[in-house]
C-alpha atoms as a PDB file:
ATOM      1  CA  UNK A   1      -5.113 -37.872 -10.217  1.00  0.00           C
ATOM      2  CA  UNK A   2      -2.997 -34.849 -11.029  1.00  0.00           C
ATOM      3  CA  UNK A   3      -2.941 -32.024  -8.531  1.00  0.00           C
ATOM      4  CA  UNK A   4      -2.818 -28.543  -9.939  1.00  0.00           C
ATOM      5  CA  UNK A   5      -0.678 -25.923  -8.312  1.00  0.00           C
ATOM      6  CA  UNK A   6      -1.183 -22.217  -8.761  1.00  0.00           C
ATOM      7  CA  UNK A   7       2.161 -20.427  -8.704  1.00  0.00           C
ATOM      8  CA  UNK A   8       0.556 -16.948  -8.411  1.00  0.00           C
ATOM      9  CA  UNK A   9      -1.437 -18.047  -5.350  1.00  0.00           C
ATOM     10  CA  UNK A  10       1.599 -19.644  -3.751  1.00  0.00           C
ATOM     11  CA  UNK A  11       3.740 -16.547  -4.331  1.00  0.00           C
ATOM     12  CA  UNK A  12       1.035 -14.138  -3.159  1.00  0.00           C
ATOM     13  CA  UNK A  13       0.380 -16.198  -0.043  1.00  0.00           C
ATOM     14  CA  UNK A  14       4.108 -16.370   0.645  1.00  0.00           C
ATOM     15  CA  UNK A  15       4.361 -12.590   0.417  1.00  0.00           C
ATOM     16  CA  UNK A  16       1.471 -12.254   2.894  1.00  0.00           C
ATOM     17  CA  UNK A  17       3.208 -14.660   5.270  1.00  0.00           C
ATOM     18  CA  UNK A  18       6.488 -12.728   5.019  1.00  0.00           C
ATOM     19  CA  UNK A  19       4.829  -9.365   5.606  1.00  0.00           C
ATOM     20  CA  UNK A  20       2.756 -10.716   8.499  1.00  0.00           C
ATOM     21  CA  UNK A  21       5.825 -12.315  10.045  1.00  0.00           C
ATOM     22  CA  UNK A  22       7.848  -9.106   9.732  1.00  0.00           C
ATOM     23  CA  UNK A  23       5.099  -7.081  11.389  1.00  0.00           C
ATOM     24  CA  UNK A  24       4.745  -9.697  14.139  1.00  0.00           C
ATOM     25  CA  UNK A  25       8.466  -9.478  14.895  1.00  0.00           C
ATOM     26  CA  UNK A  26       8.221  -5.678  14.951  1.00  0.00           C
ATOM     27  CA  UNK A  27       5.164  -5.751  17.215  1.00  0.00           C
ATOM     28  CA  UNK A  28       6.960  -7.932  19.760  1.00  0.00           C
ATOM     29  CA  UNK A  29       9.268  -4.976  20.442  1.00  0.00           C
ATOM     30  CA  UNK A  30       6.340  -3.182  22.099  1.00  0.00           C
ATOM     31  CA  UNK A  31       4.438  -4.032  25.258  1.00  0.00           C
ATOM     32  CA  UNK A  32       1.514  -6.318  24.418  1.00  0.00           C
ATOM     33  CA  UNK A  33      -0.640  -5.918  27.516  1.00  0.00           C
ATOM     34  CA  UNK A  34      -3.759  -8.021  28.017  1.00  0.00           C
ATOM     35  CA  UNK A  35      -6.988  -8.270  26.016  1.00  0.00           C
ATOM     36  CA  UNK A  36      -8.686  -5.939  28.507  1.00  0.00           C
ATOM     37  CA  UNK A  37      -5.736  -3.511  28.771  1.00  0.00           C
ATOM     38  CA  UNK A  38      -4.107  -3.605  25.369  1.00  0.00           C
ATOM     39  CA  UNK A  39      -0.610  -2.263  25.000  1.00  0.00           C
ATOM     40  CA  UNK A  40       0.823  -0.550  21.929  1.00  0.00           C
ATOM     41  CA  UNK A  41       1.962  -3.847  20.410  1.00  0.00           C
ATOM     42  CA  UNK A  42      -1.309  -5.751  20.821  1.00  0.00           C
ATOM     43  CA  UNK A  43      -3.178  -4.587  17.713  1.00  0.00           C
ATOM     44  CA  UNK A  44      -0.161  -4.760  15.352  1.00  0.00           C
ATOM     45  CA  UNK A  45       0.511  -8.314  16.539  1.00  0.00           C
ATOM     46  CA  UNK A  46      -3.147  -9.257  16.053  1.00  0.00           C
ATOM     47  CA  UNK A  47      -3.195  -7.723  12.555  1.00  0.00           C
ATOM     48  CA  UNK A  48       0.084  -9.494  11.699  1.00  0.00           C
ATOM     49  CA  UNK A  49      -1.356 -12.815  12.853  1.00  0.00           C
ATOM     50  CA  UNK A  50      -4.462 -12.331  10.700  1.00  0.00           C
ATOM     51  CA  UNK A  51      -2.353 -11.456   7.632  1.00  0.00           C
ATOM     52  CA  UNK A  52      -0.124 -14.479   8.241  1.00  0.00           C
ATOM     53  CA  UNK A  53      -3.078 -16.863   8.603  1.00  0.00           C
ATOM     54  CA  UNK A  54      -4.673 -15.487   5.431  1.00  0.00           C
ATOM     55  CA  UNK A  55      -1.354 -15.924   3.631  1.00  0.00           C
ATOM     56  CA  UNK A  56      -1.088 -19.527   4.780  1.00  0.00           C
ATOM     57  CA  UNK A  57      -4.651 -20.170   3.603  1.00  0.00           C
ATOM     58  CA  UNK A  58      -3.805 -18.752   0.178  1.00  0.00           C
ATOM     59  CA  UNK A  59      -0.674 -20.913  -0.043  1.00  0.00           C
ATOM     60  CA  UNK A  60      -2.647 -24.037   0.898  1.00  0.00           C
ATOM     61  CA  UNK A  61      -5.346 -23.176  -1.656  1.00  0.00           C
ATOM     62  CA  UNK A  62      -2.643 -22.691  -4.291  1.00  0.00           C
ATOM     63  CA  UNK A  63      -1.107 -26.075  -3.463  1.00  0.00           C
ATOM     64  CA  UNK A  64      -4.341 -28.058  -3.322  1.00  0.00           C
ATOM     65  CA  UNK A  65      -6.942 -26.617  -5.692  1.00  0.00           C
ATOM     66  CA  UNK A  66      -5.044 -24.045  -7.652  1.00  0.00           C
ATOM     67  CA  UNK A  67      -5.828 -23.045 -11.170  1.00  0.00           C
ATOM     68  CA  UNK A  68      -3.100 -23.142 -13.746  1.00  0.00           C
ATOM     69  CA  UNK A  69      -2.767 -19.494 -14.652  1.00  0.00           C
ATOM     70  CA  UNK A  70       0.056 -17.902 -16.545  1.00  0.00           C
ATOM     71  CA  UNK A  71       1.420 -14.595 -15.329  1.00  0.00           C
ATOM     72  CA  UNK A  72       1.266 -12.901 -18.707  1.00  0.00           C
ATOM     73  CA  UNK A  73       3.288  -9.812 -19.560  1.00  0.00           C
ATOM     74  CA  UNK A  74       4.700  -7.791 -16.682  1.00  0.00           C
ATOM     75  CA  UNK A  75       3.226  -4.264 -16.600  1.00  0.00           C
ATOM     76  CA  UNK A  76       6.551  -2.437 -16.313  1.00  0.00           C
ATOM     77  CA  UNK A  77       5.043   0.993 -16.991  1.00  0.00           C
ATOM     78  CA  UNK A  78       2.627   0.635 -14.074  1.00  0.00           C
ATOM     79  CA  UNK A  79       5.278  -0.722 -11.726  1.00  0.00           C
ATOM     80  CA  UNK A  80       7.702   2.082 -12.554  1.00  0.00           C
ATOM     81  CA  UNK A  81       5.048   4.813 -12.265  1.00  0.00           C
ATOM     82  CA  UNK A  82       3.774   3.618  -8.898  1.00  0.00           C
ATOM     83  CA  UNK A  83       7.251   3.123  -7.410  1.00  0.00           C
ATOM     84  CA  UNK A  84       8.295   6.550  -8.697  1.00  0.00           C
ATOM     85  CA  UNK A  85       5.133   8.114  -7.242  1.00  0.00           C
ATOM     86  CA  UNK A  86       5.741   6.634  -3.785  1.00  0.00           C
ATOM     87  CA  UNK A  87       9.389   7.714  -3.811  1.00  0.00           C
ATOM     88  CA  UNK A  88       8.427  11.187  -5.018  1.00  0.00           C
ATOM     89  CA  UNK A  89       5.855  11.633  -2.253  1.00  0.00           C
ATOM     90  CA  UNK A  90       8.183  10.396   0.465  1.00  0.00           C
ATOM     91  CA  UNK A  91      11.025  12.608  -0.739  1.00  0.00           C
ATOM     92  CA  UNK A  92       9.094  15.827  -1.303  1.00  0.00           C
ATOM     93  CA  UNK A  93       6.135  15.984   1.087  1.00  0.00           C
ATOM     94  CA  UNK A  94       8.028  18.022   3.671  1.00  0.00           C
ATOM     95  CA  UNK A  95       9.608  20.348   1.134  1.00  0.00           C
ATOM     96  CA  UNK A  96       6.732  20.891  -1.306  1.00  0.00           C
ATOM     97  CA  UNK A  97       3.921  20.397   1.184  1.00  0.00           C
ATOM     98  CA  UNK A  98       1.040  17.954   1.288  1.00  0.00           C
ATOM     99  CA  UNK A  99      -1.108  19.424  -1.498  1.00  0.00           C
ATOM    100  CA  UNK A 100       1.523  19.627  -4.288  1.00  0.00           C
ATOM    101  CA  UNK A 101       3.149  16.314  -3.327  1.00  0.00           C
ATOM    102  CA  UNK A 102      -0.249  14.576  -3.247  1.00  0.00           C
ATOM    103  CA  UNK A 103      -1.273  16.090  -6.577  1.00  0.00           C
ATOM    104  CA  UNK A 104       1.881  14.944  -8.383  1.00  0.00           C
ATOM    105  CA  UNK A 105       1.732  11.521  -6.712  1.00  0.00           C
ATOM    106  CA  UNK A 106      -1.895  11.019  -7.751  1.00  0.00           C
ATOM    107  CA  UNK A 107      -1.082  12.179 -11.282  1.00  0.00           C
ATOM    108  CA  UNK A 108       1.830   9.746 -11.561  1.00  0.00           C
ATOM    109  CA  UNK A 109      -0.236   6.811 -10.316  1.00  0.00           C
ATOM    110  CA  UNK A 110      -3.150   7.538 -12.657  1.00  0.00           C
ATOM    111  CA  UNK A 111      -0.750   7.752 -15.578  1.00  0.00           C
ATOM    112  CA  UNK A 112       0.411   4.215 -14.777  1.00  0.00           C
ATOM    113  CA  UNK A 113      -2.351   2.942 -17.026  1.00  0.00           C
ATOM    114  CA  UNK A 114      -1.970   3.411 -20.759  1.00  0.00           C
ATOM    115  CA  UNK A 115      -5.765   3.680 -21.087  1.00  0.00           C
ATOM    116  CA  UNK A 116      -6.119   6.849 -18.973  1.00  0.00           C
ATOM    117  CA  UNK A 117      -6.380  10.098 -20.919  1.00  0.00           C
ATOM    118  CA  UNK A 118      -4.561  13.213 -19.648  1.00  0.00           C
ATOM    119  CA  UNK A 119      -7.801  15.085 -18.877  1.00  0.00           C
ATOM    120  CA  UNK A 120      -9.106  12.148 -16.849  1.00  0.00           C
ATOM    121  CA  UNK A 121      -5.773  11.854 -15.033  1.00  0.00           C
ATOM    122  CA  UNK A 122      -5.910  15.541 -14.076  1.00  0.00           C
ATOM    123  CA  UNK A 123      -9.488  15.205 -12.818  1.00  0.00           C
ATOM    124  CA  UNK A 124      -8.662  12.119 -10.762  1.00  0.00           C
ATOM    125  CA  UNK A 125      -5.528  13.807  -9.394  1.00  0.00           C
ATOM    126  CA  UNK A 126      -7.498  16.895  -8.350  1.00  0.00           C
ATOM    127  CA  UNK A 127     -10.218  14.800  -6.709  1.00  0.00           C
ATOM    128  CA  UNK A 128      -7.762  12.600  -4.826  1.00  0.00           C
ATOM    129  CA  UNK A 129      -5.767  15.613  -3.667  1.00  0.00           C
ATOM    130  CA  UNK A 130      -8.867  17.343  -2.296  1.00  0.00           C
ATOM    131  CA  UNK A 131     -10.075  14.131  -0.623  1.00  0.00           C
ATOM    132  CA  UNK A 132      -6.660  13.355   0.899  1.00  0.00           C
ATOM    133  CA  UNK A 133      -6.282  16.918   2.167  1.00  0.00           C
ATOM    134  CA  UNK A 134      -9.725  16.834   3.775  1.00  0.00           C
ATOM    135  CA  UNK A 135      -9.101  13.437   5.343  1.00  0.00           C
ATOM    136  CA  UNK A 136      -5.508  13.766   6.551  1.00  0.00           C
ATOM    137  CA  UNK A 137      -4.915  17.474   7.098  1.00  0.00           C
ATOM    138  CA  UNK A 138      -8.394  18.669   8.102  1.00  0.00           C
ATOM    139  CA  UNK A 139     -10.011  15.531   9.543  1.00  0.00           C
ATOM    140  CA  UNK A 140      -7.078  13.757  11.199  1.00  0.00           C
ATOM    141  CA  UNK A 141      -5.126  16.998  11.768  1.00  0.00           C
ATOM    142  CA  UNK A 142      -1.769  15.586  10.722  1.00  0.00           C
ATOM    143  CA  UNK A 143       1.024  18.060  11.231  1.00  0.00           C
ATOM    144  CA  UNK A 144       2.135  18.153   7.624  1.00  0.00           C
ATOM    145  CA  UNK A 145       2.484  21.558   5.976  1.00  0.00           C
ATOM    146  CA  UNK A 146      -0.134  22.103   3.292  1.00  0.00           C
ATOM    147  CA  UNK A 147       2.340  24.229   1.298  1.00  0.00           C
ATOM    148  CA  UNK A 148       6.008  23.549   1.962  1.00  0.00           C
ATOM    149  CA  UNK A 149       9.033  25.795   2.347  1.00  0.00           C
ATOM    150  CA  UNK A 150      10.241  25.012  -1.182  1.00  0.00           C
ATOM    151  CA  UNK A 151       7.303  27.006  -2.509  1.00  0.00           C
ATOM    152  CA  UNK A 152       7.399  30.704  -1.738  1.00  0.00           C
ATOM    153  CA  UNK A 153       3.819  31.831  -1.128  1.00  0.00           C
END
């Protein structure tokens, strides 16, 4: 009996295991505490363990009962747009401010799909910017300038 292996499942599970392991190593640098008096490293270590276990389960599933699935074409436009958006946000949020950096980031990520029309991308960008501003600046009160020093208002 031939056993099928799913390369996408094995790779995805391996990535989960690597990320979980990296976070576990990072969490061990903090005090763990006890279950009743948790330290700052307790929850990150617990989350890392859950991610690692899920990754191992995905790898095992890929080795035992995987489907033979081809990867298909790599969506280079989407990868480039999303990486560029993350780099843009990280590099400009302090200078431009939260609102403009979020708006451009949301616009770049919505344009990652070739099926999105410009009007739809602008509407999604505006909605995400308003939602993110309400959540992070108003609700969570992050100390990020709404309008940055690069803009002269």
